[in-house]
Amino acid sequence: MFDKWLGGDPKGFSELYGRYSSRVFGFLLRMTGDREVAEDMLQETFLAAIRNVGQFDRNRSFLSWLFGIAHKRTIDYYRHAKVEADHVGDTEGSVGSKLDSPEDTLSNKRLRKLVGEAVQRLEPSQREVFMLRELGGVPFKEIAEMMGCPINTALGRMRLALINMRKELKKRGIEGVQQI
C-alpha cells in the first residue's frame, strides 16, 4: 500500500486511509472528547502525512508514524484551545464484550463509564501514554520519542496510569482489576 502511494497510485493512499483512519480517529476522539474536533484532526493528520511523506522512516511502522503526527495535533489543539485536562472522552467500546443478558448489558455500560471516567482523571501525560499504547499499540520506544522523554519515563507514566486507574476504580467499587 505504502509503495503504491509513493509510486503515485491514488489507490495506495485510499488503502492506507481505509486501513488506519479508524484507529487514529479513535485515539483523537479519546484524547479530545469531541467528535467534530477529532474528525478535523484526523484530516489534518493525513494531510500532514501527505505533505511530509519524505520524512517517513521505512524502518518504523506507518501506523506509529501516523500516531506521532496525531499526537502532535493533540498537543497543538490543547495549546491553542487552552483546554484543561477535565474533558470527557468517548470510551464506548473500550471495555467489554458481547453480552448475553440485560443485567450484563447494564453492568458493562456502567463499567465502560467508570473506566472512561478513570482514564479522564489521569494526568494528561499518563493518559496520553495509556491511549497511545492501548489504542494505538505504539511501542514504548516510539511513545518516548513522540513525547520527547526517555523510554523509562514513558514506561513509568504507563505504570502510574494503571495504578491510578486501579485506585479510581476501587474507589467506585470495582476491585480485583489486574489488567485494564
N, C-alpha and C. Protein backbone atom coordinates (compact mmCIF):
# COMPACT_ATOMS: atom_id res chain seq x y z
N MET A 1 0.83 -1.19 0.00
CA MET A 1 0.00 0.00 0.00
C MET A 1 0.88 1.26 0.00
N PHE A 2 1.82 1.28 0.93
CA PHE A 2 2.68 2.46 1.04
C PHE A 2 3.48 2.66 -0.24
N ASP A 3 3.98 1.54 -0.79
CA ASP A 3 4.76 1.63 -2.03
C ASP A 3 3.89 2.11 -3.18
N LYS A 4 2.62 1.68 -3.20
CA LYS A 4 1.70 2.16 -4.24
C LYS A 4 1.56 3.67 -4.14
N TRP A 5 1.36 4.14 -2.91
CA TRP A 5 1.17 5.58 -2.69
C TRP A 5 2.40 6.35 -3.14
N LEU A 6 3.58 5.88 -2.70
CA LEU A 6 4.82 6.56 -3.10
C LEU A 6 5.02 6.53 -4.61
N GLY A 7 4.51 5.46 -5.24
CA GLY A 7 4.64 5.33 -6.68
C GLY A 7 3.64 6.17 -7.46
N GLY A 8 2.80 6.91 -6.75
CA GLY A 8 1.85 7.79 -7.42
C GLY A 8 0.47 7.20 -7.65
N ASP A 9 0.24 5.98 -7.19
CA ASP A 9 -1.07 5.35 -7.36
C ASP A 9 -2.03 5.90 -6.30
N PRO A 10 -3.09 6.62 -6.72
CA PRO A 10 -4.02 7.19 -5.74
C PRO A 10 -4.71 6.14 -4.88
N LYS A 11 -4.82 4.91 -5.39
CA LYS A 11 -5.44 3.85 -4.60
C LYS A 11 -4.59 3.51 -3.38
N GLY A 12 -3.28 3.72 -3.50
CA GLY A 12 -2.40 3.43 -2.38
C GLY A 12 -2.75 4.26 -1.16
N PHE A 13 -2.98 5.55 -1.36
CA PHE A 13 -3.35 6.41 -0.24
C PHE A 13 -4.73 6.02 0.29
N SER A 14 -5.66 5.74 -0.62
CA SER A 14 -7.01 5.34 -0.19
C SER A 14 -6.96 4.08 0.66
N GLU A 15 -6.12 3.14 0.27
CA GLU A 15 -5.99 1.91 1.05
C GLU A 15 -5.38 2.19 2.43
N LEU A 16 -4.38 3.05 2.48
CA LEU A 16 -3.77 3.41 3.76
C LEU A 16 -4.79 4.11 4.66
N TYR A 17 -5.55 5.02 4.08
CA TYR A 17 -6.57 5.74 4.84
C TYR A 17 -7.61 4.76 5.37
N GLY A 18 -8.08 3.87 4.50
CA GLY A 18 -9.08 2.89 4.91
C GLY A 18 -8.59 1.96 5.99
N ARG A 19 -7.33 1.62 5.94
CA ARG A 19 -6.76 0.68 6.91
C ARG A 19 -6.51 1.32 8.28
N TYR A 20 -6.08 2.58 8.31
CA TYR A 20 -5.60 3.18 9.55
C TYR A 20 -6.48 4.30 10.13
N SER A 21 -7.38 4.83 9.35
CA SER A 21 -8.10 6.02 9.82
C SER A 21 -8.94 5.78 11.06
N SER A 22 -9.58 4.61 11.17
CA SER A 22 -10.45 4.39 12.34
C SER A 22 -9.63 4.31 13.63
N ARG A 23 -8.45 3.72 13.58
CA ARG A 23 -7.63 3.64 14.80
C ARG A 23 -7.11 5.01 15.20
N VAL A 24 -6.67 5.79 14.23
CA VAL A 24 -6.17 7.13 14.53
C VAL A 24 -7.33 8.00 15.03
N PHE A 25 -8.50 7.85 14.39
CA PHE A 25 -9.67 8.62 14.81
C PHE A 25 -10.04 8.27 16.26
N GLY A 26 -10.01 6.97 16.61
CA GLY A 26 -10.33 6.56 17.98
C GLY A 26 -9.40 7.21 18.99
N PHE A 27 -8.12 7.25 18.65
CA PHE A 27 -7.14 7.91 19.52
C PHE A 27 -7.48 9.39 19.67
N LEU A 28 -7.72 10.06 18.56
CA LEU A 28 -8.00 11.50 18.60
C LEU A 28 -9.30 11.79 19.35
N LEU A 29 -10.28 10.95 19.17
CA LEU A 29 -11.55 11.14 19.86
C LEU A 29 -11.38 11.00 21.36
N ARG A 30 -10.63 10.02 21.77
CA ARG A 30 -10.43 9.82 23.21
C ARG A 30 -9.54 10.91 23.81
N MET A 31 -8.64 11.44 23.01
CA MET A 31 -7.78 12.50 23.52
C MET A 31 -8.51 13.83 23.61
N THR A 32 -9.44 14.10 22.70
CA THR A 32 -10.13 15.39 22.69
C THR A 32 -11.51 15.33 23.33
N GLY A 33 -12.17 14.18 23.24
CA GLY A 33 -13.53 14.08 23.76
C GLY A 33 -14.56 14.76 22.88
N ASP A 34 -14.18 15.15 21.68
CA ASP A 34 -15.08 15.89 20.80
C ASP A 34 -15.00 15.29 19.40
N ARG A 35 -16.12 14.73 18.94
CA ARG A 35 -16.16 14.04 17.65
C ARG A 35 -15.78 14.95 16.49
N GLU A 36 -16.33 16.15 16.46
CA GLU A 36 -16.02 17.08 15.36
C GLU A 36 -14.55 17.47 15.34
N VAL A 37 -14.02 17.76 16.50
CA VAL A 37 -12.60 18.12 16.59
C VAL A 37 -11.74 16.94 16.14
N ALA A 38 -12.10 15.73 16.60
CA ALA A 38 -11.34 14.54 16.22
C ALA A 38 -11.40 14.31 14.71
N GLU A 39 -12.57 14.54 14.10
CA GLU A 39 -12.67 14.38 12.65
C GLU A 39 -11.77 15.38 11.93
N ASP A 40 -11.78 16.62 12.38
CA ASP A 40 -10.91 17.64 11.78
C ASP A 40 -9.43 17.26 11.95
N MET A 41 -9.10 16.82 13.14
CA MET A 41 -7.71 16.46 13.41
C MET A 41 -7.28 15.23 12.61
N LEU A 42 -8.20 14.31 12.36
CA LEU A 42 -7.90 13.14 11.54
C LEU A 42 -7.52 13.59 10.13
N GLN A 43 -8.30 14.51 9.59
CA GLN A 43 -7.99 15.02 8.25
C GLN A 43 -6.65 15.75 8.25
N GLU A 44 -6.41 16.55 9.28
CA GLU A 44 -5.13 17.26 9.39
C GLU A 44 -3.97 16.28 9.50
N THR A 45 -4.19 15.18 10.22
CA THR A 45 -3.15 14.17 10.38
C THR A 45 -2.77 13.56 9.03
N PHE A 46 -3.77 13.18 8.26
CA PHE A 46 -3.48 12.58 6.96
C PHE A 46 -2.93 13.61 5.96
N LEU A 47 -3.39 14.84 6.06
CA LEU A 47 -2.81 15.89 5.20
C LEU A 47 -1.34 16.11 5.54
N ALA A 48 -1.03 16.10 6.82
CA ALA A 48 0.37 16.24 7.25
C ALA A 48 1.20 15.05 6.76
N ALA A 49 0.60 13.86 6.76
CA ALA A 49 1.31 12.69 6.25
C ALA A 49 1.61 12.86 4.76
N ILE A 50 0.66 13.39 4.01
CA ILE A 50 0.88 13.63 2.58
C ILE A 50 1.99 14.64 2.38
N ARG A 51 1.92 15.74 3.13
CA ARG A 51 2.92 16.81 2.98
C ARG A 51 4.31 16.36 3.41
N ASN A 52 4.39 15.48 4.38
CA ASN A 52 5.68 15.10 4.97
C ASN A 52 6.09 13.67 4.66
N VAL A 53 5.56 13.10 3.61
CA VAL A 53 5.84 11.70 3.29
C VAL A 53 7.34 11.45 3.15
N GLY A 54 8.10 12.44 2.73
CA GLY A 54 9.54 12.29 2.59
C GLY A 54 10.26 12.08 3.91
N GLN A 55 9.61 12.43 5.01
CA GLN A 55 10.22 12.27 6.33
C GLN A 55 9.93 10.90 6.95
N PHE A 56 9.08 10.10 6.28
CA PHE A 56 8.75 8.79 6.83
C PHE A 56 9.96 7.87 6.78
N ASP A 57 10.26 7.27 7.91
CA ASP A 57 11.37 6.32 8.03
C ASP A 57 10.81 4.92 7.82
N ARG A 58 11.21 4.28 6.75
CA ARG A 58 10.68 2.95 6.41
C ARG A 58 11.01 1.88 7.45
N ASN A 59 11.91 2.18 8.37
CA ASN A 59 12.23 1.24 9.44
C ASN A 59 11.18 1.27 10.55
N ARG A 60 10.32 2.28 10.51
CA ARG A 60 9.25 2.41 11.50
C ARG A 60 7.94 1.91 10.91
N SER A 61 7.00 1.67 11.77
CA SER A 61 5.66 1.31 11.35
C SER A 61 4.95 2.57 10.84
N PHE A 62 4.22 2.44 9.75
CA PHE A 62 3.46 3.57 9.22
C PHE A 62 2.42 4.03 10.24
N LEU A 63 1.78 3.08 10.91
CA LEU A 63 0.77 3.43 11.92
C LEU A 63 1.40 4.22 13.07
N SER A 64 2.56 3.81 13.52
CA SER A 64 3.24 4.55 14.59
C SER A 64 3.56 5.97 14.13
N TRP A 65 3.99 6.09 12.88
CA TRP A 65 4.28 7.42 12.33
C TRP A 65 3.02 8.28 12.33
N LEU A 66 1.89 7.69 11.91
CA LEU A 66 0.62 8.43 11.93
C LEU A 66 0.24 8.84 13.35
N PHE A 67 0.42 7.93 14.30
CA PHE A 67 0.12 8.26 15.69
C PHE A 67 1.02 9.39 16.18
N GLY A 68 2.25 9.42 15.73
CA GLY A 68 3.14 10.53 16.08
C GLY A 68 2.60 11.86 15.57
N ILE A 69 2.12 11.86 14.34
CA ILE A 69 1.53 13.08 13.77
C ILE A 69 0.27 13.45 14.55
N ALA A 70 -0.58 12.46 14.83
CA ALA A 70 -1.82 12.71 15.58
C ALA A 70 -1.50 13.24 16.98
N HIS A 71 -0.47 12.70 17.58
CA HIS A 71 -0.03 13.15 18.90
C HIS A 71 0.33 14.64 18.85
N LYS A 72 1.06 15.04 17.83
CA LYS A 72 1.43 16.45 17.69
C LYS A 72 0.19 17.31 17.48
N ARG A 73 -0.80 16.79 16.77
CA ARG A 73 -2.05 17.54 16.57
C ARG A 73 -2.77 17.75 17.91
N THR A 74 -2.74 16.75 18.78
CA THR A 74 -3.42 16.92 20.07
C THR A 74 -2.70 17.96 20.93
N ILE A 75 -1.38 17.95 20.87
CA ILE A 75 -0.62 18.97 21.61
C ILE A 75 -0.99 20.36 21.11
N ASP A 76 -1.01 20.51 19.79
CA ASP A 76 -1.38 21.80 19.20
C ASP A 76 -2.80 22.20 19.59
N TYR A 77 -3.71 21.24 19.58
CA TYR A 77 -5.10 21.51 19.94
C TYR A 77 -5.20 22.07 21.36
N TYR A 78 -4.54 21.41 22.31
CA TYR A 78 -4.60 21.88 23.69
C TYR A 78 -3.85 23.18 23.89
N ARG A 79 -2.78 23.34 23.17
CA ARG A 79 -2.01 24.57 23.29
C ARG A 79 -2.84 25.75 22.80
N HIS A 80 -3.48 25.58 21.66
CA HIS A 80 -4.25 26.69 21.08
C HIS A 80 -5.60 26.88 21.77
N ALA A 81 -6.22 25.82 22.18
CA ALA A 81 -7.54 25.92 22.82
C ALA A 81 -7.44 26.22 24.31
N LYS A 82 -6.24 26.02 24.88
CA LYS A 82 -6.02 26.24 26.31
C LYS A 82 -7.04 25.48 27.16
N VAL A 83 -7.25 24.24 26.76
CA VAL A 83 -8.23 23.39 27.44
C VAL A 83 -7.55 22.64 28.57
N GLU A 84 -8.20 22.57 29.71
CA GLU A 84 -7.68 21.80 30.83
C GLU A 84 -7.94 20.32 30.60
N ALA A 85 -7.39 19.50 31.43
CA ALA A 85 -7.48 18.05 31.26
C ALA A 85 -8.82 17.45 31.69
N ASP A 86 -9.81 18.29 32.03
CA ASP A 86 -11.06 17.75 32.55
C ASP A 86 -12.13 17.64 31.46
N HIS A 87 -11.77 17.13 30.31
CA HIS A 87 -12.75 16.90 29.26
C HIS A 87 -13.23 15.46 29.34
N VAL A 88 -14.36 15.21 28.72
CA VAL A 88 -14.95 13.88 28.78
C VAL A 88 -14.69 13.17 27.46
N GLY A 89 -14.18 11.95 27.55
CA GLY A 89 -13.87 11.18 26.35
C GLY A 89 -14.93 10.14 26.05
N ASP A 90 -14.93 9.70 24.83
CA ASP A 90 -15.85 8.66 24.41
C ASP A 90 -15.15 7.32 24.59
N THR A 91 -15.63 6.56 25.56
CA THR A 91 -14.96 5.29 25.83
C THR A 91 -15.82 4.10 25.43
N GLU A 92 -16.91 4.36 24.74
CA GLU A 92 -17.74 3.24 24.32
C GLU A 92 -16.89 2.27 23.51
N GLY A 93 -17.00 1.04 23.84
CA GLY A 93 -16.27 0.01 23.12
C GLY A 93 -14.88 -0.26 23.66
N SER A 94 -14.39 0.53 24.61
CA SER A 94 -13.04 0.30 25.10
C SER A 94 -12.97 -0.81 26.13
N VAL A 95 -14.10 -1.16 26.72
CA VAL A 95 -14.14 -2.25 27.68
C VAL A 95 -15.37 -3.06 27.38
N GLY A 96 -15.26 -4.34 27.47
CA GLY A 96 -16.45 -5.17 27.35
C GLY A 96 -16.38 -6.12 26.18
N SER A 97 -17.41 -6.95 26.12
CA SER A 97 -17.51 -7.94 25.07
C SER A 97 -18.97 -8.19 24.80
N LYS A 98 -19.25 -9.14 23.95
CA LYS A 98 -20.64 -9.49 23.66
C LYS A 98 -21.29 -10.01 24.94
N LEU A 99 -22.47 -9.49 25.23
CA LEU A 99 -23.15 -9.83 26.48
C LEU A 99 -24.42 -10.61 26.20
N ASP A 100 -24.82 -11.43 27.15
CA ASP A 100 -25.96 -12.30 26.94
C ASP A 100 -27.25 -11.78 27.55
N SER A 101 -27.18 -11.08 28.67
CA SER A 101 -28.40 -10.70 29.38
C SER A 101 -28.48 -9.20 29.57
N PRO A 102 -29.69 -8.67 29.78
CA PRO A 102 -29.84 -7.24 30.04
C PRO A 102 -29.08 -6.78 31.29
N GLU A 103 -29.00 -7.66 32.31
CA GLU A 103 -28.26 -7.30 33.52
C GLU A 103 -26.79 -7.11 33.19
N ASP A 104 -26.26 -8.01 32.36
CA ASP A 104 -24.86 -7.88 31.95
C ASP A 104 -24.65 -6.61 31.13
N THR A 105 -25.62 -6.29 30.29
CA THR A 105 -25.51 -5.08 29.46
C THR A 105 -25.42 -3.85 30.34
N LEU A 106 -26.29 -3.77 31.36
CA LEU A 106 -26.26 -2.62 32.27
C LEU A 106 -24.94 -2.57 33.02
N SER A 107 -24.48 -3.72 33.48
CA SER A 107 -23.22 -3.78 34.21
C SER A 107 -22.06 -3.36 33.31
N ASN A 108 -22.06 -3.81 32.07
CA ASN A 108 -20.99 -3.47 31.13
C ASN A 108 -20.99 -1.97 30.82
N LYS A 109 -22.16 -1.39 30.63
CA LYS A 109 -22.24 0.06 30.38
C LYS A 109 -21.69 0.83 31.57
N ARG A 110 -22.04 0.38 32.77
CA ARG A 110 -21.53 1.03 33.97
C ARG A 110 -20.01 0.92 34.05
N LEU A 111 -19.49 -0.27 33.76
CA LEU A 111 -18.05 -0.48 33.80
C LEU A 111 -17.34 0.39 32.77
N ARG A 112 -17.87 0.45 31.53
CA ARG A 112 -17.28 1.30 30.49
C ARG A 112 -17.25 2.75 30.95
N LYS A 113 -18.34 3.16 31.56
CA LYS A 113 -18.42 4.55 32.04
C LYS A 113 -17.38 4.80 33.13
N LEU A 114 -17.26 3.87 34.07
CA LEU A 114 -16.30 4.03 35.16
C LEU A 114 -14.86 4.02 34.64
N VAL A 115 -14.56 3.14 33.69
CA VAL A 115 -13.21 3.10 33.12
C VAL A 115 -12.94 4.40 32.36
N GLY A 116 -13.92 4.86 31.60
CA GLY A 116 -13.76 6.12 30.88
C GLY A 116 -13.50 7.28 31.82
N GLU A 117 -14.22 7.32 32.93
CA GLU A 117 -14.00 8.37 33.91
C GLU A 117 -12.61 8.25 34.53
N ALA A 118 -12.18 7.02 34.79
CA ALA A 118 -10.85 6.80 35.37
C ALA A 118 -9.77 7.27 34.39
N VAL A 119 -9.95 7.00 33.11
CA VAL A 119 -8.98 7.46 32.10
C VAL A 119 -8.93 8.98 32.09
N GLN A 120 -10.09 9.62 32.14
CA GLN A 120 -10.14 11.08 32.07
C GLN A 120 -9.54 11.75 33.31
N ARG A 121 -9.50 11.04 34.43
CA ARG A 121 -8.94 11.60 35.65
C ARG A 121 -7.41 11.49 35.70
N LEU A 122 -6.85 10.76 34.76
CA LEU A 122 -5.39 10.63 34.72
C LEU A 122 -4.75 11.97 34.38
N GLU A 123 -3.55 12.16 34.89
CA GLU A 123 -2.74 13.31 34.49
C GLU A 123 -2.57 13.22 32.97
N PRO A 124 -2.59 14.35 32.26
CA PRO A 124 -2.53 14.31 30.79
C PRO A 124 -1.40 13.46 30.20
N SER A 125 -0.22 13.53 30.77
CA SER A 125 0.89 12.74 30.21
C SER A 125 0.66 11.24 30.42
N GLN A 126 0.05 10.87 31.54
CA GLN A 126 -0.26 9.46 31.78
C GLN A 126 -1.36 8.99 30.83
N ARG A 127 -2.38 9.83 30.66
CA ARG A 127 -3.49 9.50 29.76
C ARG A 127 -2.97 9.32 28.33
N GLU A 128 -2.07 10.20 27.93
CA GLU A 128 -1.54 10.14 26.58
C GLU A 128 -0.76 8.85 26.34
N VAL A 129 0.11 8.48 27.26
CA VAL A 129 0.86 7.23 27.12
C VAL A 129 -0.11 6.05 27.09
N PHE A 130 -1.07 6.06 28.00
CA PHE A 130 -2.06 4.98 28.06
C PHE A 130 -2.80 4.83 26.74
N MET A 131 -3.27 5.95 26.19
CA MET A 131 -4.04 5.91 24.96
C MET A 131 -3.17 5.49 23.76
N LEU A 132 -1.97 6.02 23.67
CA LEU A 132 -1.09 5.62 22.57
C LEU A 132 -0.80 4.12 22.62
N ARG A 133 -0.54 3.63 23.81
CA ARG A 133 -0.19 2.22 23.95
C ARG A 133 -1.40 1.32 23.77
N GLU A 134 -2.49 1.63 24.47
CA GLU A 134 -3.66 0.75 24.46
C GLU A 134 -4.47 0.84 23.18
N LEU A 135 -4.65 2.03 22.65
CA LEU A 135 -5.43 2.18 21.42
C LEU A 135 -4.59 1.99 20.18
N GLY A 136 -3.40 2.55 20.22
CA GLY A 136 -2.58 2.52 19.03
C GLY A 136 -1.60 1.38 18.96
N GLY A 137 -1.34 0.74 20.09
CA GLY A 137 -0.35 -0.32 20.10
C GLY A 137 1.04 0.20 19.77
N VAL A 138 1.26 1.50 20.05
CA VAL A 138 2.54 2.12 19.73
C VAL A 138 3.59 1.62 20.72
N PRO A 139 4.74 1.17 20.23
CA PRO A 139 5.80 0.70 21.13
C PRO A 139 6.28 1.81 22.05
N PHE A 140 6.70 1.44 23.26
CA PHE A 140 7.14 2.43 24.23
C PHE A 140 8.31 3.27 23.72
N LYS A 141 9.19 2.67 22.96
CA LYS A 141 10.31 3.43 22.41
C LYS A 141 9.81 4.59 21.54
N GLU A 142 8.79 4.32 20.72
CA GLU A 142 8.24 5.36 19.86
C GLU A 142 7.41 6.37 20.65
N ILE A 143 6.73 5.89 21.69
CA ILE A 143 5.98 6.82 22.55
C ILE A 143 6.96 7.80 23.18
N ALA A 144 8.08 7.29 23.66
CA ALA A 144 9.10 8.15 24.29
C ALA A 144 9.60 9.18 23.28
N GLU A 145 9.85 8.76 22.05
CA GLU A 145 10.30 9.71 21.02
C GLU A 145 9.24 10.77 20.75
N MET A 146 7.98 10.35 20.64
CA MET A 146 6.88 11.28 20.37
C MET A 146 6.74 12.32 21.47
N MET A 147 6.91 11.85 22.72
CA MET A 147 6.70 12.72 23.87
C MET A 147 7.98 13.45 24.28
N GLY A 148 9.08 13.11 23.63
CA GLY A 148 10.35 13.79 23.94
C GLY A 148 10.87 13.47 25.33
N CYS A 149 10.76 12.21 25.71
CA CYS A 149 11.22 11.81 27.05
C CYS A 149 11.95 10.48 26.94
N PRO A 150 12.71 10.12 27.97
CA PRO A 150 13.37 8.81 27.97
C PRO A 150 12.34 7.68 28.01
N ILE A 151 12.71 6.53 27.50
CA ILE A 151 11.79 5.38 27.48
C ILE A 151 11.34 5.01 28.90
N ASN A 152 12.23 5.13 29.88
CA ASN A 152 11.86 4.80 31.26
C ASN A 152 10.80 5.74 31.79
N THR A 153 10.80 6.98 31.34
CA THR A 153 9.76 7.93 31.75
C THR A 153 8.42 7.50 31.15
N ALA A 154 8.42 7.11 29.88
CA ALA A 154 7.18 6.64 29.24
C ALA A 154 6.66 5.39 29.95
N LEU A 155 7.56 4.46 30.27
CA LEU A 155 7.16 3.26 31.00
C LEU A 155 6.61 3.61 32.38
N GLY A 156 7.27 4.53 33.05
CA GLY A 156 6.81 4.96 34.37
C GLY A 156 5.44 5.62 34.32
N ARG A 157 5.21 6.42 33.29
CA ARG A 157 3.89 7.07 33.15
C ARG A 157 2.80 6.03 32.93
N MET A 158 3.12 5.00 32.15
CA MET A 158 2.14 3.94 31.92
C MET A 158 1.86 3.20 33.22
N ARG A 159 2.90 2.89 33.96
CA ARG A 159 2.74 2.20 35.24
C ARG A 159 1.87 3.03 36.18
N LEU A 160 2.16 4.33 36.26
CA LEU A 160 1.35 5.21 37.13
C LEU A 160 -0.08 5.31 36.63
N ALA A 161 -0.26 5.33 35.32
CA ALA A 161 -1.62 5.38 34.77
C ALA A 161 -2.42 4.16 35.21
N LEU A 162 -1.81 3.00 35.11
CA LEU A 162 -2.51 1.77 35.51
C LEU A 162 -2.79 1.75 37.01
N ILE A 163 -1.82 2.17 37.81
CA ILE A 163 -2.01 2.23 39.27
C ILE A 163 -3.14 3.20 39.60
N ASN A 164 -3.11 4.38 38.99
CA ASN A 164 -4.13 5.39 39.29
C ASN A 164 -5.51 4.96 38.82
N MET A 165 -5.57 4.26 37.68
CA MET A 165 -6.87 3.78 37.21
C MET A 165 -7.41 2.71 38.15
N ARG A 166 -6.55 1.81 38.61
CA ARG A 166 -6.99 0.79 39.57
C ARG A 166 -7.52 1.43 40.85
N LYS A 167 -6.79 2.44 41.35
CA LYS A 167 -7.24 3.15 42.57
C LYS A 167 -8.60 3.80 42.35
N GLU A 168 -8.75 4.46 41.20
CA GLU A 168 -10.01 5.15 40.90
C GLU A 168 -11.16 4.14 40.79
N LEU A 169 -10.91 3.02 40.14
CA LEU A 169 -11.95 2.00 40.02
C LEU A 169 -12.28 1.38 41.37
N LYS A 170 -11.27 1.21 42.20
CA LYS A 170 -11.50 0.65 43.54
C LYS A 170 -12.38 1.60 44.36
N LYS A 171 -12.14 2.91 44.25
CA LYS A 171 -12.97 3.89 44.96
C LYS A 171 -14.43 3.76 44.56
N ARG A 172 -14.65 3.32 43.35
CA ARG A 172 -16.01 3.23 42.82
C ARG A 172 -16.58 1.82 42.92
N GLY A 173 -15.89 0.97 43.71
CA GLY A 173 -16.44 -0.35 43.98
C GLY A 173 -16.03 -1.45 43.01
N ILE A 174 -15.09 -1.16 42.13
CA ILE A 174 -14.60 -2.17 41.20
C ILE A 174 -13.23 -2.62 41.69
N GLU A 175 -13.18 -3.85 42.20
CA GLU A 175 -11.91 -4.34 42.76
C GLU A 175 -11.39 -5.53 41.97
N GLY A 176 -10.12 -5.84 42.17
CA GLY A 176 -9.53 -7.01 41.55
C GLY A 176 -9.16 -6.81 40.09
N VAL A 177 -9.03 -5.56 39.66
CA VAL A 177 -8.67 -5.31 38.27
C VAL A 177 -7.18 -5.54 38.12
N GLN A 178 -6.84 -6.57 37.34
CA GLN A 178 -5.44 -6.88 37.11
C GLN A 178 -4.93 -6.22 35.84
N GLN A 179 -5.74 -6.26 34.80
CA GLN A 179 -5.36 -5.62 33.54
C GLN A 179 -6.50 -4.74 33.10
N ILE A 180 -6.12 -3.61 32.55
CA ILE A 180 -7.12 -2.68 32.04
C ILE A 180 -6.94 -2.59 30.56
